[in-house]
C-alpha atoms as a PDB file:
ATOM      1  CA  MET A   1       0.000   0.000   0.000  1.00  0.00           C
ATOM      2  CA  ASP A   2       1.284   3.368  -0.937  1.00  0.00           C
ATOM      3  CA  ARG A   3       1.877   5.848   1.921  1.00  0.00           C
ATOM      4  CA  ASP A   4      -0.500   8.415   0.406  1.00  0.00           C
ATOM      5  CA  GLN A   5      -3.335   5.892   0.277  1.00  0.00           C
ATOM      6  CA  SER A   6      -3.200   5.143   4.034  1.00  0.00           C
ATOM      7  CA  ILE A   7      -3.801   8.748   5.091  1.00  0.00           C
ATOM      8  CA  PRO A   8      -7.495   9.492   5.419  1.00  0.00           C
ATOM      9  CA  VAL A   9      -8.646  12.359   3.260  1.00  0.00           C
ATOM     10  CA  ILE A  10     -10.771  14.981   4.944  1.00  0.00           C
ATOM     11  CA  ASN A  11     -12.547  17.207   2.526  1.00  0.00           C
ATOM     12  CA  ASP A  12     -13.430  20.829   3.157  1.00  0.00           C
ATOM     13  CA  GLN A  13     -17.084  20.007   3.944  1.00  0.00           C
ATOM     14  CA  ALA A  14     -16.024  17.634   6.738  1.00  0.00           C
ATOM     15  CA  LYS A  15     -13.711  20.302   8.179  1.00  0.00           C
ATOM     16  CA  VAL A  16     -16.544  22.837   8.208  1.00  0.00           C
ATOM     17  CA  THR A  17     -18.900  20.330   9.866  1.00  0.00           C
ATOM     18  CA  VAL A  18     -16.379  19.529  12.616  1.00  0.00           C
ATOM     19  CA  TYR A  19     -15.710  23.232  13.092  1.00  0.00           C
ATOM     20  CA  ASP A  20     -19.451  24.010  13.316  1.00  0.00           C
ATOM     21  CA  GLN A  21     -19.980  21.241  15.868  1.00  0.00           C
ATOM     22  CA  THR A  22     -17.085  22.533  17.967  1.00  0.00           C
ATOM     23  CA  ILE A  23     -18.486  26.063  17.874  1.00  0.00           C
ATOM     24  CA  LYS A  24     -21.973  24.807  18.856  1.00  0.00           C
ATOM     25  CA  LYS A  25     -20.536  22.826  21.788  1.00  0.00           C
ATOM     26  CA  THR A  26     -18.520  25.828  22.954  1.00  0.00           C
ATOM     27  CA  LYS A  27     -21.579  28.092  22.743  1.00  0.00           C
ATOM     28  CA  ALA A  28     -23.692  25.539  24.600  1.00  0.00           C
ATOM     29  CA  LYS A  29     -21.093  25.258  27.368  1.00  0.00           C
ATOM     30  CA  SER A  30     -20.793  29.021  27.736  1.00  0.00           C
ATOM     31  CA  ILE A  31     -24.562  29.556  27.785  1.00  0.00           C
ATOM     32  CA  ASN A  32     -24.938  26.759  30.350  1.00  0.00           C
ATOM     33  CA  LEU A  33     -22.230  28.395  32.468  1.00  0.00           C
ATOM     34  CA  PHE A  34     -24.101  31.703  32.195  1.00  0.00           C
ATOM     35  CA  PHE A  35     -27.353  30.027  33.252  1.00  0.00           C
ATOM     36  CA  THR A  36     -25.620  28.251  36.143  1.00  0.00           C
ATOM     37  CA  MET A  37     -24.154  31.543  37.348  1.00  0.00           C
ATOM     38  CA  ILE A  38     -27.601  33.178  37.219  1.00  0.00           C
ATOM     39  CA  ASP A  39     -29.101  30.278  39.170  1.00  0.00           C
ATOM     40  CA  LYS A  40     -26.339  30.299  41.812  1.00  0.00           C
ATOM     41  CA  MET A  41     -26.462  34.070  42.238  1.00  0.00           C
ATOM     42  CA  ASN A  42     -30.232  34.104  42.699  1.00  0.00           C
ATOM     43  CA  GLU A  43     -30.074  31.100  45.003  1.00  0.00           C
ATOM     44  CA  ALA A  44     -27.492  32.885  47.191  1.00  0.00           C
ATOM     45  CA  LEU A  45     -29.632  36.017  47.242  1.00  0.00           C
ATOM     46  CA  ALA A  46     -32.662  33.889  48.191  1.00  0.00           C
ATOM     47  CA  TRP A  47     -30.725  32.388  51.111  1.00  0.00           C
ATOM     48  CA  ILE A  48     -29.841  35.896  52.282  1.00  0.00           C
ATOM     49  CA  ALA A  49     -33.509  36.882  51.918  1.00  0.00           C
ATOM     50  CA  GLY A  50     -34.532  33.847  53.977  1.00  0.00           C
ATOM     51  CA  ALA A  51     -31.975  34.706  56.659  1.00  0.00           C
ATOM     52  CA  ALA A  52     -33.327  38.262  56.713  1.00  0.00           C
ATOM     53  CA  VAL A  53     -36.859  36.934  57.290  1.00  0.00           C
ATOM     54  CA  VAL A  54     -35.630  34.717  60.153  1.00  0.00           C
ATOM     55  CA  LEU A  55     -33.730  37.635  61.705  1.00  0.00           C
ATOM     56  CA  LEU A  56     -36.800  39.820  61.299  1.00  0.00           C
ATOM     57  CA  MET A  57     -38.935  37.234  63.071  1.00  0.00           C
ATOM     58  CA  LEU A  58     -36.402  36.843  65.898  1.00  0.00           C
ATOM     59  CA  LEU A  59     -36.095  40.615  66.302  1.00  0.00           C
ATOM     60  CA  ILE A  60     -39.843  41.082  66.583  1.00  0.00           C
ATOM     61  CA  VAL A  61     -40.323  38.145  68.966  1.00  0.00           C
ATOM     62  CA  PHE A  62     -37.433  39.171  71.242  1.00  0.00           C
ATOM     63  CA  ASN A  63     -38.619  42.766  71.153  1.00  0.00           C
ATOM     64  CA  ALA A  64     -42.128  41.684  72.193  1.00  0.00           C
ATOM     65  CA  ILE A  65     -40.729  39.572  75.046  1.00  0.00           C
ATOM     66  CA  LYS A  66     -38.385  42.348  76.197  1.00  0.00           C
ATOM     67  CA  ARG A  67     -41.236  44.833  76.073  1.00  0.00           C
ATOM     68  CA  MET A  68     -43.083  42.828  78.758  1.00  0.00           C
ATOM     69  CA  PHE A  69     -40.196  43.384  81.198  1.00  0.00           C
ATOM     70  CA  SER A  70     -38.624  46.684  80.155  1.00  0.00           C
ATOM     71  CA  ASP A  71     -38.239  49.084  77.278  1.00  0.00           C
ATOM     72  CA  PRO A  72     -38.159  47.669  73.715  1.00  0.00           C
ATOM     73  CA  PHE A  73     -34.970  47.561  71.671  1.00  0.00           C
ATOM     74  CA  ALA A  74     -34.024  50.935  70.261  1.00  0.00           C
ATOM     75  CA  GLY A  75     -34.181  50.993  66.467  1.00  0.00           C
ATOM     76  CA  THR A  76     -36.422  47.971  66.047  1.00  0.00           C
ATOM     77  CA  VAL A  77     -38.514  49.699  63.402  1.00  0.00           C
ATOM     78  CA  GLU A  78     -35.414  50.710  61.421  1.00  0.00           C
ATOM     79  CA  ILE A  79     -33.855  47.253  61.525  1.00  0.00           C
ATOM     80  CA  ALA A  80     -37.183  45.603  60.686  1.00  0.00           C
ATOM     81  CA  THR A  81     -37.569  47.916  57.683  1.00  0.00           C
ATOM     82  CA  TRP A  82     -34.073  47.101  56.410  1.00  0.00           C
ATOM     83  CA  LEU A  83     -34.578  43.369  56.862  1.00  0.00           C
ATOM     84  CA  GLY A  84     -37.954  43.574  55.120  1.00  0.00           C
ATOM     85  CA  ALA A  85     -36.426  45.406  52.161  1.00  0.00           C
ATOM     86  CA  ILE A  86     -33.595  42.869  51.892  1.00  0.00           C
ATOM     87  CA  SER A  87     -35.959  39.907  52.112  1.00  0.00           C
ATOM     88  CA  GLY A  88     -38.294  41.257  49.451  1.00  0.00           C
ATOM     89  CA  ILE A  89     -35.762  42.549  46.951  1.00  0.00           C
ATOM     90  CA  PHE A  90     -33.242  39.715  47.231  1.00  0.00           C
ATOM     91  CA  ALA A  91     -35.959  37.120  46.549  1.00  0.00           C
ATOM     92  CA  LEU A  92     -37.108  38.681  43.257  1.00  0.00           C
ATOM     93  CA  GLY A  93     -34.771  36.803  40.919  1.00  0.00           C
ATOM     94  CA  TYR A  94     -35.302  33.451  42.622  1.00  0.00           C
ATOM     95  CA  ALA A  95     -39.055  33.910  42.395  1.00  0.00           C
ATOM     96  CA  GLN A  96     -38.734  34.770  38.699  1.00  0.00           C
ATOM     97  CA  LEU A  97     -36.651  31.658  38.007  1.00  0.00           C
ATOM     98  CA  HIS A  98     -39.206  29.432  39.734  1.00  0.00           C
ATOM     99  CA  LYS A  99     -42.282  31.107  38.210  1.00  0.00           C
ATOM    100  CA  SER A 100     -43.505  32.299  41.609  1.00  0.00           C
ATOM    101  CA  HIS A 101     -44.722  35.648  40.291  1.00  0.00           C
ATOM    102  CA  VAL A 102     -48.185  36.176  38.934  1.00  0.00           C
ATOM    103  CA  PHE A 103     -48.240  35.758  35.166  1.00  0.00           C
ATOM    104  CA  ILE A 104     -51.558  36.354  33.480  1.00  0.00           C
ATOM    105  CA  ASP A 105     -51.486  34.383  30.247  1.00  0.00           C
ATOM    106  CA  LEU A 106     -55.216  34.198  29.642  1.00  0.00           C
ATOM    107  CA  LEU A 107     -55.028  36.473  26.596  1.00  0.00           C
ATOM    108  CA  ILE A 108     -51.577  35.388  25.375  1.00  0.00           C
ATOM    109  CA  ASN A 109     -52.653  31.722  25.148  1.00  0.00           C
ATOM    110  CA  LYS A 110     -55.313  32.650  22.593  1.00  0.00           C
ATOM    111  CA  PHE A 111     -52.698  33.819  20.071  1.00  0.00           C
ATOM    112  CA  PRO A 112     -50.621  31.592  17.797  1.00  0.00           C
ATOM    113  CA  GLU A 113     -47.385  30.332  19.341  1.00  0.00           C
ATOM    114  CA  MET A 114     -45.116  32.760  17.476  1.00  0.00           C
ATOM    115  CA  VAL A 115     -47.233  35.781  18.464  1.00  0.00           C
ATOM    116  CA  SER A 116     -47.258  34.567  22.083  1.00  0.00           C
ATOM    117  CA  LYS A 117     -43.476  34.281  22.061  1.00  0.00           C
ATOM    118  CA  ILE A 118     -43.127  37.793  20.653  1.00  0.00           C
ATOM    119  CA  ILE A 119     -45.514  39.275  23.231  1.00  0.00           C
ATOM    120  CA  HIS A 120     -43.810  37.403  26.066  1.00  0.00           C
ATOM    121  CA  THR A 121     -40.420  38.622  24.849  1.00  0.00           C
ATOM    122  CA  LEU A 122     -41.616  42.236  24.622  1.00  0.00           C
ATOM    123  CA  VAL A 123     -43.044  42.063  28.145  1.00  0.00           C
ATOM    124  CA  ASN A 124     -39.740  40.606  29.376  1.00  0.00           C
ATOM    125  CA  ILE A 125     -37.760  43.375  27.673  1.00  0.00           C
ATOM    126  CA  VAL A 126     -39.911  46.071  29.278  1.00  0.00           C
ATOM    127  CA  SER A 127     -39.657  44.308  32.658  1.00  0.00           C
ATOM    128  CA  ALA A 128     -35.879  43.921  32.411  1.00  0.00           C
ATOM    129  CA  LEU A 129     -35.486  47.592  31.489  1.00  0.00           C
ATOM    130  CA  PHE A 130     -37.719  48.642  34.391  1.00  0.00           C
ATOM    131  CA  PHE A 131     -35.775  46.578  36.941  1.00  0.00           C
ATOM    132  CA  LEU A 132     -32.445  47.673  35.471  1.00  0.00           C
ATOM    133  CA  VAL A 133     -33.403  51.337  35.832  1.00  0.00           C
ATOM    134  CA  ALA A 134     -34.817  50.726  39.335  1.00  0.00           C
ATOM    135  CA  GLY A 135     -31.610  48.989  40.441  1.00  0.00           C
ATOM    136  CA  TRP A 136     -29.453  51.752  38.978  1.00  0.00           C
ATOM    137  CA  LEU A 137     -31.516  54.495  40.651  1.00  0.00           C
ATOM    138  CA  ILE A 138     -31.389  52.709  44.001  1.00  0.00           C
ATOM    139  CA  PHE A 139     -27.619  52.358  43.717  1.00  0.00           C
ATOM    140  CA  GLN A 140     -27.349  56.073  42.835  1.00  0.00           C
ATOM    141  CA  HIS A 141     -29.592  56.915  45.799  1.00  0.00           C
ATOM    142  CA  GLY A 142     -27.198  54.984  48.055  1.00  0.00           C
ATOM    143  CA  LEU A 143     -24.254  56.956  46.645  1.00  0.00           C
ATOM    144  CA  ASN A 144     -26.123  60.210  47.319  1.00  0.00           C
ATOM    145  CA  MET A 145     -26.848  59.075  50.880  1.00  0.00           C
ATOM    146  CA  MET A 146     -23.175  58.229  51.367  1.00  0.00           C
ATOM    147  CA  GLY A 147     -22.111  61.618  50.031  1.00  0.00           C
ATOM    148  CA  SER A 148     -24.500  63.563  52.226  1.00  0.00           C
ATOM    149  CA  GLY A 149     -23.769  61.516  55.370  1.00  0.00           C
ATOM    150  CA  VAL A 150     -27.341  60.342  55.983  1.00  0.00           C
ATOM    151  CA  VAL A 151     -27.721  58.154  59.073  1.00  0.00           C
ATOM    152  CA  SER A 152     -30.676  56.290  60.540  1.00  0.00           C
ATOM    153  CA  GLU A 153     -32.916  58.257  62.850  1.00  0.00           C
ATOM    154  CA  THR A 154     -32.730  56.164  66.016  1.00  0.00           C
ATOM    155  CA  LEU A 155     -29.520  54.139  65.792  1.00  0.00           C
ATOM    156  CA  ARG A 156     -27.581  56.954  64.097  1.00  0.00           C
ATOM    157  CA  ILE A 157     -25.706  54.582  61.780  1.00  0.00           C
ATOM    158  CA  PRO A 158     -25.198  55.042  58.038  1.00  0.00           C
ATOM    159  CA  PHE A 159     -27.371  52.636  56.081  1.00  0.00           C
ATOM    160  CA  TYR A 160     -26.373  53.487  52.522  1.00  0.00           C
ATOM    161  CA  PRO A 161     -24.636  50.076  52.129  1.00  0.00           C
ATOM    162  CA  ILE A 162     -27.988  48.348  52.603  1.00  0.00           C
ATOM    163  CA  VAL A 163     -29.572  50.611  50.004  1.00  0.00           C
ATOM    164  CA  GLN A 164     -26.753  49.922  47.542  1.00  0.00           C
ATOM    165  CA  LEU A 165     -26.855  46.163  48.175  1.00  0.00           C
ATOM    166  CA  CYS A 166     -30.549  46.156  47.325  1.00  0.00           C
ATOM    167  CA  SER A 167     -29.540  46.901  43.734  1.00  0.00           C
ATOM    168  CA  LEU A 168     -28.110  43.342  43.636  1.00  0.00           C
ATOM    169  CA  GLY A 169     -31.637  41.991  43.924  1.00  0.00           C
ATOM    170  CA  PHE A 170     -32.613  43.944  40.832  1.00  0.00           C
ATOM    171  CA  ILE A 171     -29.581  42.633  38.963  1.00  0.00           C
ATOM    172  CA  GLY A 172     -30.706  39.123  39.947  1.00  0.00           C
ATOM    173  CA  ILE A 173     -34.182  39.567  38.500  1.00  0.00           C
ATOM    174  CA  VAL A 174     -32.842  41.181  35.303  1.00  0.00           C
ATOM    175  CA  LEU A 175     -30.569  38.176  34.736  1.00  0.00           C
ATOM    176  CA  ALA A 176     -33.449  35.793  35.492  1.00  0.00           C
ATOM    177  CA  ILE A 177     -35.619  37.595  32.934  1.00  0.00           C
ATOM    178  CA  ILE A 178     -32.834  37.346  30.342  1.00  0.00           C
ATOM    179  CA  LYS A 179     -32.567  33.610  31.014  1.00  0.00           C
ATOM    180  CA  GLU A 180     -36.334  33.191  30.699  1.00  0.00           C
ATOM    181  CA  THR A 181     -36.358  35.108  27.415  1.00  0.00           C
ATOM    182  CA  ILE A 182     -33.640  32.872  25.979  1.00  0.00           C
ATOM    183  CA  PHE A 183     -35.640  29.803  27.018  1.00  0.00           C
ATOM    184  CA  ILE A 184     -38.763  31.182  25.323  1.00  0.00           C
ATOM    185  CA  TRP A 185     -36.982  30.975  21.982  1.00  0.00           C
ATOM    186  CA  LYS A 186     -35.266  27.638  22.653  1.00  0.00           C
ATOM    187  CA  GLU A 187     -38.609  25.833  22.840  1.00  0.00           C
END
């Protein structure tokens, strides 16, 4: 057998096919990594939200017990407000990922599938833009509070870090909406 005959010949079409498959696998891995990061981020934020709810419950219970014997804790209302904000905002993305929000699809289901996908995508775009702007404005508000030296009324501590951290919850829901929109078109 001649040496040239033993070497397999790969034509240009086969090279393109292998290249395309490699690109598709790389894209699939990167998109799965992106989705995993969104899931992990929102799961971590949900755990923080859950811890905030537990701390809120403990604060209120201990404050009620202490009130029977002496004065209540100073700043209970402030701390309860901060914990409530953290628990609500940090849970947004997790709730979006697990379809825990109200979604009224009564009208959308009447349309053809393509029209439904377009409407759902448009609603997601508007929602993502709203939450992106809200998160940015909250972060800016925290920067303004930091610059002006605002402190809480009773405890007299600066709380701008809590305000700025709340913007993370909005980032979480924006990423969850992006993931949902991608999945709409993968179906």
